[in-house]
Amino acid sequence: MRNATLTITVENIQLTDEELVGYGTFDNGKDNPAERITISGNASRLKNTVTPGRTIVAIGMLRSIKDGLGIPSLTLNISQAIQVTLPIPAIV
């Protein structure tokens, strides 16, 4: 586990009273520009920022877990998230 700051496009979220769990995609800077990542965190603190369709900058603990076939998957336990306002392209 290590601290990480990632820009994530949130795709799906499920909320309980205490926890937010979902997934999104991020650009890993390598061969896969839309790598899937599982996200989780405190629901009361993040529910207004981490919503489907938004792009966020998320800070938290990043873990890489291998499944039964040895394929790694990334999980980010978010401690802070900031919504990113993307620039609107100009119409020429």
N, C-alpha and C. Protein backbone atom coordinates (compact mmCIF):
# COMPACT_ATOMS: atom_id res chain seq x y z
N MET A 1 0.84 -1.17 0.00
CA MET A 1 0.00 0.00 0.00
C MET A 1 0.89 1.25 0.00
N ARG A 2 0.39 2.27 -0.70
CA ARG A 2 1.12 3.53 -0.72
C ARG A 2 0.13 4.67 -0.94
N ASN A 3 0.53 5.88 -0.56
CA ASN A 3 -0.28 7.05 -0.82
C ASN A 3 -0.27 7.34 -2.31
N ALA A 4 -1.42 7.80 -2.82
CA ALA A 4 -1.50 8.11 -4.24
C ALA A 4 -2.50 9.24 -4.46
N THR A 5 -2.26 10.00 -5.51
CA THR A 5 -3.20 11.01 -5.97
C THR A 5 -3.50 10.70 -7.42
N LEU A 6 -4.77 10.42 -7.72
CA LEU A 6 -5.18 10.03 -9.07
C LEU A 6 -6.34 10.87 -9.55
N THR A 7 -6.39 11.12 -10.84
CA THR A 7 -7.56 11.73 -11.47
C THR A 7 -8.41 10.60 -11.99
N ILE A 8 -9.62 10.48 -11.46
CA ILE A 8 -10.50 9.34 -11.74
C ILE A 8 -11.82 9.82 -12.32
N THR A 9 -12.30 9.13 -13.35
CA THR A 9 -13.65 9.35 -13.84
C THR A 9 -14.53 8.29 -13.18
N VAL A 10 -15.47 8.74 -12.35
CA VAL A 10 -16.31 7.83 -11.58
C VAL A 10 -17.39 7.26 -12.50
N GLU A 11 -17.53 5.93 -12.49
CA GLU A 11 -18.52 5.27 -13.34
C GLU A 11 -19.72 4.75 -12.56
N ASN A 12 -19.48 4.19 -11.39
CA ASN A 12 -20.57 3.59 -10.62
C ASN A 12 -20.26 3.70 -9.14
N ILE A 13 -21.29 3.99 -8.34
CA ILE A 13 -21.12 4.11 -6.89
C ILE A 13 -22.31 3.46 -6.19
N GLN A 14 -22.02 2.79 -5.09
CA GLN A 14 -23.06 2.27 -4.20
C GLN A 14 -22.79 2.85 -2.83
N LEU A 15 -23.85 3.36 -2.19
CA LEU A 15 -23.71 3.98 -0.87
C LEU A 15 -24.42 3.15 0.19
N THR A 16 -23.78 3.03 1.34
CA THR A 16 -24.45 2.54 2.54
C THR A 16 -24.42 3.69 3.53
N ASP A 17 -24.86 3.47 4.73
CA ASP A 17 -24.84 4.54 5.73
C ASP A 17 -23.42 5.02 6.02
N GLU A 18 -22.46 4.11 5.95
CA GLU A 18 -21.10 4.46 6.34
C GLU A 18 -20.08 4.41 5.22
N GLU A 19 -20.31 3.62 4.17
CA GLU A 19 -19.26 3.42 3.18
C GLU A 19 -19.76 3.66 1.76
N LEU A 20 -18.87 4.19 0.96
CA LEU A 20 -19.08 4.40 -0.46
C LEU A 20 -18.17 3.41 -1.19
N VAL A 21 -18.71 2.65 -2.13
CA VAL A 21 -17.92 1.67 -2.88
C VAL A 21 -18.33 1.78 -4.35
N GLY A 22 -17.36 1.72 -5.23
CA GLY A 22 -17.68 1.78 -6.65
C GLY A 22 -16.45 1.56 -7.49
N TYR A 23 -16.53 2.03 -8.73
CA TYR A 23 -15.38 1.90 -9.61
C TYR A 23 -15.35 3.05 -10.61
N GLY A 24 -14.21 3.22 -11.20
CA GLY A 24 -14.01 4.26 -12.20
C GLY A 24 -12.82 3.90 -13.06
N THR A 25 -12.37 4.87 -13.85
CA THR A 25 -11.21 4.66 -14.69
C THR A 25 -10.24 5.82 -14.50
N PHE A 26 -8.98 5.55 -14.79
CA PHE A 26 -7.95 6.58 -14.74
C PHE A 26 -6.91 6.28 -15.80
N ASP A 27 -6.16 7.30 -16.19
CA ASP A 27 -5.09 7.14 -17.17
C ASP A 27 -3.82 6.75 -16.43
N ASN A 28 -3.33 5.55 -16.66
CA ASN A 28 -2.15 5.08 -15.94
C ASN A 28 -0.85 5.58 -16.56
N GLY A 29 -0.92 6.36 -17.64
CA GLY A 29 0.28 6.91 -18.26
C GLY A 29 1.07 5.89 -19.04
N LYS A 30 0.53 4.70 -19.19
CA LYS A 30 1.25 3.64 -19.90
C LYS A 30 0.44 3.20 -21.11
N ASP A 31 0.23 1.91 -21.24
CA ASP A 31 -0.43 1.37 -22.41
C ASP A 31 -1.95 1.41 -22.34
N ASN A 32 -2.54 1.59 -21.17
CA ASN A 32 -4.00 1.56 -21.03
C ASN A 32 -4.50 2.91 -20.53
N PRO A 33 -5.05 3.75 -21.41
CA PRO A 33 -5.47 5.09 -20.99
C PRO A 33 -6.73 5.11 -20.14
N ALA A 34 -7.41 3.99 -20.00
CA ALA A 34 -8.62 3.95 -19.18
C ALA A 34 -8.62 2.70 -18.30
N GLU A 35 -7.64 2.61 -17.44
CA GLU A 35 -7.53 1.45 -16.55
C GLU A 35 -8.59 1.52 -15.46
N ARG A 36 -9.24 0.41 -15.19
CA ARG A 36 -10.30 0.35 -14.19
C ARG A 36 -9.70 0.33 -12.79
N ILE A 37 -10.38 1.01 -11.86
CA ILE A 37 -9.94 1.04 -10.47
C ILE A 37 -11.17 0.96 -9.57
N THR A 38 -11.06 0.20 -8.49
CA THR A 38 -12.11 0.13 -7.48
C THR A 38 -11.87 1.24 -6.48
N ILE A 39 -12.93 1.94 -6.09
CA ILE A 39 -12.79 3.04 -5.13
C ILE A 39 -13.69 2.80 -3.93
N SER A 40 -13.24 3.27 -2.77
CA SER A 40 -14.04 3.17 -1.56
C SER A 40 -13.69 4.33 -0.66
N GLY A 41 -14.54 4.56 0.35
CA GLY A 41 -14.26 5.63 1.29
C GLY A 41 -15.45 5.90 2.19
N ASN A 42 -15.33 6.92 3.02
CA ASN A 42 -16.35 7.30 3.97
C ASN A 42 -17.52 7.97 3.24
N ALA A 43 -18.71 7.39 3.33
CA ALA A 43 -19.87 7.88 2.57
C ALA A 43 -20.28 9.29 2.97
N SER A 44 -20.31 9.59 4.27
CA SER A 44 -20.79 10.90 4.68
C SER A 44 -19.86 12.02 4.22
N ARG A 45 -18.58 11.74 4.08
CA ARG A 45 -17.63 12.75 3.67
C ARG A 45 -17.53 12.88 2.15
N LEU A 46 -17.78 11.80 1.40
CA LEU A 46 -17.50 11.79 -0.03
C LEU A 46 -18.73 11.77 -0.93
N LYS A 47 -19.93 11.53 -0.39
CA LYS A 47 -21.10 11.28 -1.23
C LYS A 47 -21.48 12.45 -2.14
N ASN A 48 -21.15 13.68 -1.78
CA ASN A 48 -21.49 14.82 -2.64
C ASN A 48 -20.45 15.09 -3.72
N THR A 49 -19.27 14.54 -3.57
CA THR A 49 -18.19 14.77 -4.53
C THR A 49 -18.00 13.58 -5.46
N VAL A 50 -18.03 12.39 -4.91
CA VAL A 50 -17.77 11.18 -5.69
C VAL A 50 -19.10 10.64 -6.19
N THR A 51 -19.49 11.09 -7.39
CA THR A 51 -20.75 10.67 -7.99
C THR A 51 -20.50 10.24 -9.44
N PRO A 52 -21.32 9.34 -9.96
CA PRO A 52 -21.11 8.85 -11.33
C PRO A 52 -21.12 9.99 -12.35
N GLY A 53 -20.19 9.89 -13.30
CA GLY A 53 -20.08 10.87 -14.36
C GLY A 53 -19.12 12.00 -14.06
N ARG A 54 -18.72 12.16 -12.82
CA ARG A 54 -17.79 13.23 -12.45
C ARG A 54 -16.35 12.77 -12.59
N THR A 55 -15.49 13.73 -12.87
CA THR A 55 -14.05 13.49 -12.83
C THR A 55 -13.55 14.13 -11.55
N ILE A 56 -12.82 13.37 -10.76
CA ILE A 56 -12.35 13.84 -9.46
C ILE A 56 -10.84 13.64 -9.34
N VAL A 57 -10.22 14.43 -8.49
CA VAL A 57 -8.86 14.17 -8.05
C VAL A 57 -9.01 13.54 -6.68
N ALA A 58 -8.56 12.31 -6.54
CA ALA A 58 -8.73 11.55 -5.30
C ALA A 58 -7.39 11.28 -4.65
N ILE A 59 -7.34 11.47 -3.35
CA ILE A 59 -6.14 11.20 -2.56
C ILE A 59 -6.47 10.08 -1.60
N GLY A 60 -5.61 9.08 -1.52
CA GLY A 60 -5.87 7.97 -0.60
C GLY A 60 -4.79 6.91 -0.66
N MET A 61 -5.11 5.77 -0.10
CA MET A 61 -4.19 4.63 -0.07
C MET A 61 -4.49 3.70 -1.24
N LEU A 62 -3.47 3.45 -2.05
CA LEU A 62 -3.59 2.62 -3.24
C LEU A 62 -3.05 1.22 -2.96
N ARG A 63 -3.84 0.22 -3.31
CA ARG A 63 -3.42 -1.18 -3.15
C ARG A 63 -3.56 -1.91 -4.48
N SER A 64 -2.64 -2.78 -4.76
CA SER A 64 -2.73 -3.65 -5.91
C SER A 64 -2.93 -5.07 -5.40
N ILE A 65 -4.03 -5.69 -5.79
CA ILE A 65 -4.38 -7.02 -5.32
C ILE A 65 -4.47 -7.95 -6.53
N LYS A 66 -3.86 -9.11 -6.43
CA LYS A 66 -3.94 -10.08 -7.53
C LYS A 66 -5.08 -11.05 -7.26
N ASP A 67 -5.84 -11.35 -8.32
CA ASP A 67 -6.93 -12.30 -8.17
C ASP A 67 -6.38 -13.73 -8.28
N GLY A 68 -7.24 -14.70 -8.33
CA GLY A 68 -6.84 -16.11 -8.37
C GLY A 68 -6.01 -16.47 -9.60
N LEU A 69 -6.16 -15.69 -10.68
CA LEU A 69 -5.40 -15.95 -11.90
C LEU A 69 -4.11 -15.14 -11.96
N GLY A 70 -3.84 -14.37 -10.93
CA GLY A 70 -2.63 -13.55 -10.90
C GLY A 70 -2.77 -12.21 -11.59
N ILE A 71 -4.01 -11.84 -11.95
CA ILE A 71 -4.25 -10.56 -12.62
C ILE A 71 -4.41 -9.48 -11.56
N PRO A 72 -3.59 -8.42 -11.62
CA PRO A 72 -3.69 -7.38 -10.59
C PRO A 72 -4.89 -6.46 -10.81
N SER A 73 -5.47 -6.01 -9.71
CA SER A 73 -6.51 -5.00 -9.77
C SER A 73 -6.17 -3.94 -8.73
N LEU A 74 -6.51 -2.70 -9.03
CA LEU A 74 -6.18 -1.59 -8.16
C LEU A 74 -7.39 -1.16 -7.34
N THR A 75 -7.13 -0.83 -6.08
CA THR A 75 -8.15 -0.32 -5.17
C THR A 75 -7.61 0.94 -4.51
N LEU A 76 -8.41 2.01 -4.52
CA LEU A 76 -8.03 3.25 -3.86
C LEU A 76 -9.04 3.54 -2.75
N ASN A 77 -8.56 3.55 -1.50
CA ASN A 77 -9.39 3.95 -0.37
C ASN A 77 -9.23 5.46 -0.23
N ILE A 78 -10.26 6.21 -0.63
CA ILE A 78 -10.18 7.66 -0.75
C ILE A 78 -10.32 8.33 0.61
N SER A 79 -9.38 9.21 0.92
CA SER A 79 -9.50 10.02 2.13
C SER A 79 -9.99 11.42 1.80
N GLN A 80 -9.64 11.94 0.62
CA GLN A 80 -10.10 13.25 0.17
C GLN A 80 -10.37 13.19 -1.33
N ALA A 81 -11.37 13.95 -1.77
CA ALA A 81 -11.68 14.02 -3.20
C ALA A 81 -12.10 15.44 -3.55
N ILE A 82 -11.66 15.89 -4.70
CA ILE A 82 -11.99 17.22 -5.20
C ILE A 82 -12.55 17.05 -6.60
N GLN A 83 -13.71 17.67 -6.86
CA GLN A 83 -14.27 17.61 -8.20
C GLN A 83 -13.45 18.47 -9.14
N VAL A 84 -13.19 17.95 -10.32
CA VAL A 84 -12.42 18.66 -11.33
C VAL A 84 -13.40 19.28 -12.32
N THR A 85 -13.27 20.56 -12.56
CA THR A 85 -14.07 21.22 -13.58
C THR A 85 -13.27 21.18 -14.86
N LEU A 86 -13.77 20.45 -15.84
CA LEU A 86 -13.06 20.32 -17.09
C LEU A 86 -13.39 21.50 -18.00
N PRO A 87 -12.43 21.99 -18.75
CA PRO A 87 -12.71 23.12 -19.64
C PRO A 87 -13.68 22.71 -20.75
N ILE A 88 -14.56 23.62 -21.10
CA ILE A 88 -15.51 23.38 -22.17
C ILE A 88 -14.82 23.75 -23.48
N PRO A 89 -14.78 22.83 -24.45
CA PRO A 89 -14.08 23.13 -25.70
C PRO A 89 -14.78 24.27 -26.46
N ALA A 90 -13.99 25.11 -27.08
CA ALA A 90 -14.54 26.22 -27.86
C ALA A 90 -15.09 25.70 -29.18
N ILE A 91 -16.20 26.26 -29.61
CA ILE A 91 -16.78 25.90 -30.90
C ILE A 91 -16.26 26.90 -31.92
N VAL A 92 -15.58 26.36 -32.94
CA VAL A 92 -14.97 27.25 -33.93
C VAL A 92 -15.73 27.16 -35.22
